[in-house]
Amino acid sequence: MARDSHSPIHAQPEPPSQPSTGLPSAAPPFLSLHTTVVLLVAAFFGVVMGGLPFLSEKSVPKAVAAGLTTATVSTPVLHKLIG
C-alpha cells in the first residue's frame, strides 16, 4: 500500500537537549574512591603520629620522620584492609 503524500513522516523524536555546561560529562575521576580514602586515612595517621613526638620532645625533625614513616608504612596495609 502506498503512503499518502499528505500524511506526516514517522520519525523518532529527538531527546530533549541538555544545556551545555562546557564540562565533559563522562570524564573519569582523577583518583578512585578507594585510593582517596586510603591516602586520606594514611595522612591522618601520619599527622597524629607526627604530632605525638612533637608534643613530647618539641623536635620537628623527629616529628616529620615519624609522620612520614607512619604514612608510608600504613598505606599498603590500609590498601589491603579497605577494599
Protein backbone atom coordinates (compact mmCIF):
# COMPACT_ATOMS: atom_id res chain seq x y z
CA MET A 1 0.00 0.00 0.00
CA ALA A 2 1.39 3.37 -0.99
CA ARG A 3 1.88 6.11 1.58
CA ASP A 4 -0.46 9.07 1.41
CA SER A 5 1.52 12.12 0.28
CA HIS A 6 -0.25 14.34 2.84
CA SER A 7 0.45 12.23 5.92
CA PRO A 8 3.37 13.22 8.17
CA ILE A 9 6.58 11.23 8.07
CA HIS A 10 7.03 8.99 11.09
CA ALA A 11 10.33 9.85 12.70
CA GLN A 12 11.68 9.15 16.11
CA PRO A 13 11.50 12.22 18.29
CA GLU A 14 14.80 13.75 19.35
CA PRO A 15 15.58 13.60 23.04
CA PRO A 16 15.34 16.92 24.83
CA SER A 17 18.60 18.79 24.56
CA GLN A 18 20.61 19.26 27.74
CA PRO A 19 22.05 22.70 28.44
CA SER A 20 25.75 22.72 27.65
CA THR A 21 27.93 23.43 30.68
CA GLY A 22 31.22 23.11 28.82
CA LEU A 23 32.36 20.23 31.05
CA PRO A 24 32.80 16.69 29.76
CA SER A 25 30.01 14.55 31.15
CA ALA A 26 31.81 11.22 31.15
CA ALA A 27 35.22 12.24 32.45
CA PRO A 28 36.70 9.65 34.80
CA PRO A 29 37.72 10.85 38.26
CA PHE A 30 41.38 11.68 38.89
CA LEU A 31 41.55 9.24 41.81
CA SER A 32 39.22 6.41 42.64
CA LEU A 33 37.23 6.49 45.85
CA HIS A 34 39.31 3.63 47.28
CA THR A 35 42.60 5.43 46.61
CA THR A 36 41.31 8.67 48.07
CA VAL A 37 40.14 7.02 51.29
CA VAL A 38 43.41 5.10 51.71
CA LEU A 39 45.54 8.22 51.20
CA LEU A 40 43.40 10.38 53.50
CA VAL A 41 43.47 7.82 56.31
CA ALA A 42 47.24 7.33 55.88
CA ALA A 43 47.74 11.11 56.01
CA PHE A 44 45.60 11.32 59.15
CA PHE A 45 47.66 8.59 60.83
CA GLY A 46 50.86 10.37 59.80
CA VAL A 47 49.71 13.68 61.27
CA VAL A 48 48.66 12.06 64.54
CA MET A 49 51.85 10.02 64.90
CA GLY A 50 53.96 13.02 63.89
CA GLY A 51 52.21 15.22 66.40
CA LEU A 52 52.90 12.94 69.34
CA PRO A 53 56.73 13.19 69.20
CA PHE A 54 56.45 16.91 68.61
CA LEU A 55 54.29 17.36 71.70
CA SER A 56 56.57 15.25 73.87
CA GLU A 57 60.04 16.35 72.69
CA LYS A 58 59.42 19.57 70.69
CA SER A 59 61.60 18.17 67.91
CA VAL A 60 60.40 18.97 64.40
CA PRO A 61 62.75 16.57 62.57
CA LYS A 62 61.69 13.63 64.73
CA ALA A 63 58.03 14.56 64.28
CA VAL A 64 58.38 14.76 60.49
CA ALA A 65 60.27 11.47 60.36
CA ALA A 66 57.65 9.73 62.49
CA GLY A 67 54.77 11.14 60.45
CA LEU A 68 56.27 10.25 57.07
CA THR A 69 57.25 6.78 58.25
CA THR A 70 53.78 6.12 59.63
CA ALA A 71 52.04 7.33 56.46
CA THR A 72 54.39 5.32 54.24
CA VAL A 73 54.07 2.09 56.20
CA SER A 74 50.31 2.37 56.72
CA THR A 75 49.46 2.94 53.02
CA PRO A 76 49.92 -0.67 51.79
CA VAL A 77 48.31 -2.03 54.95
CA LEU A 78 45.27 0.22 54.52
CA HIS A 79 45.10 -0.70 50.84
CA LYS A 80 44.61 -4.34 51.80
CA LEU A 81 42.29 -3.63 54.74
CA ILE A 82 39.99 -1.19 52.96
CA GLY A 83 38.70 -2.86 49.90
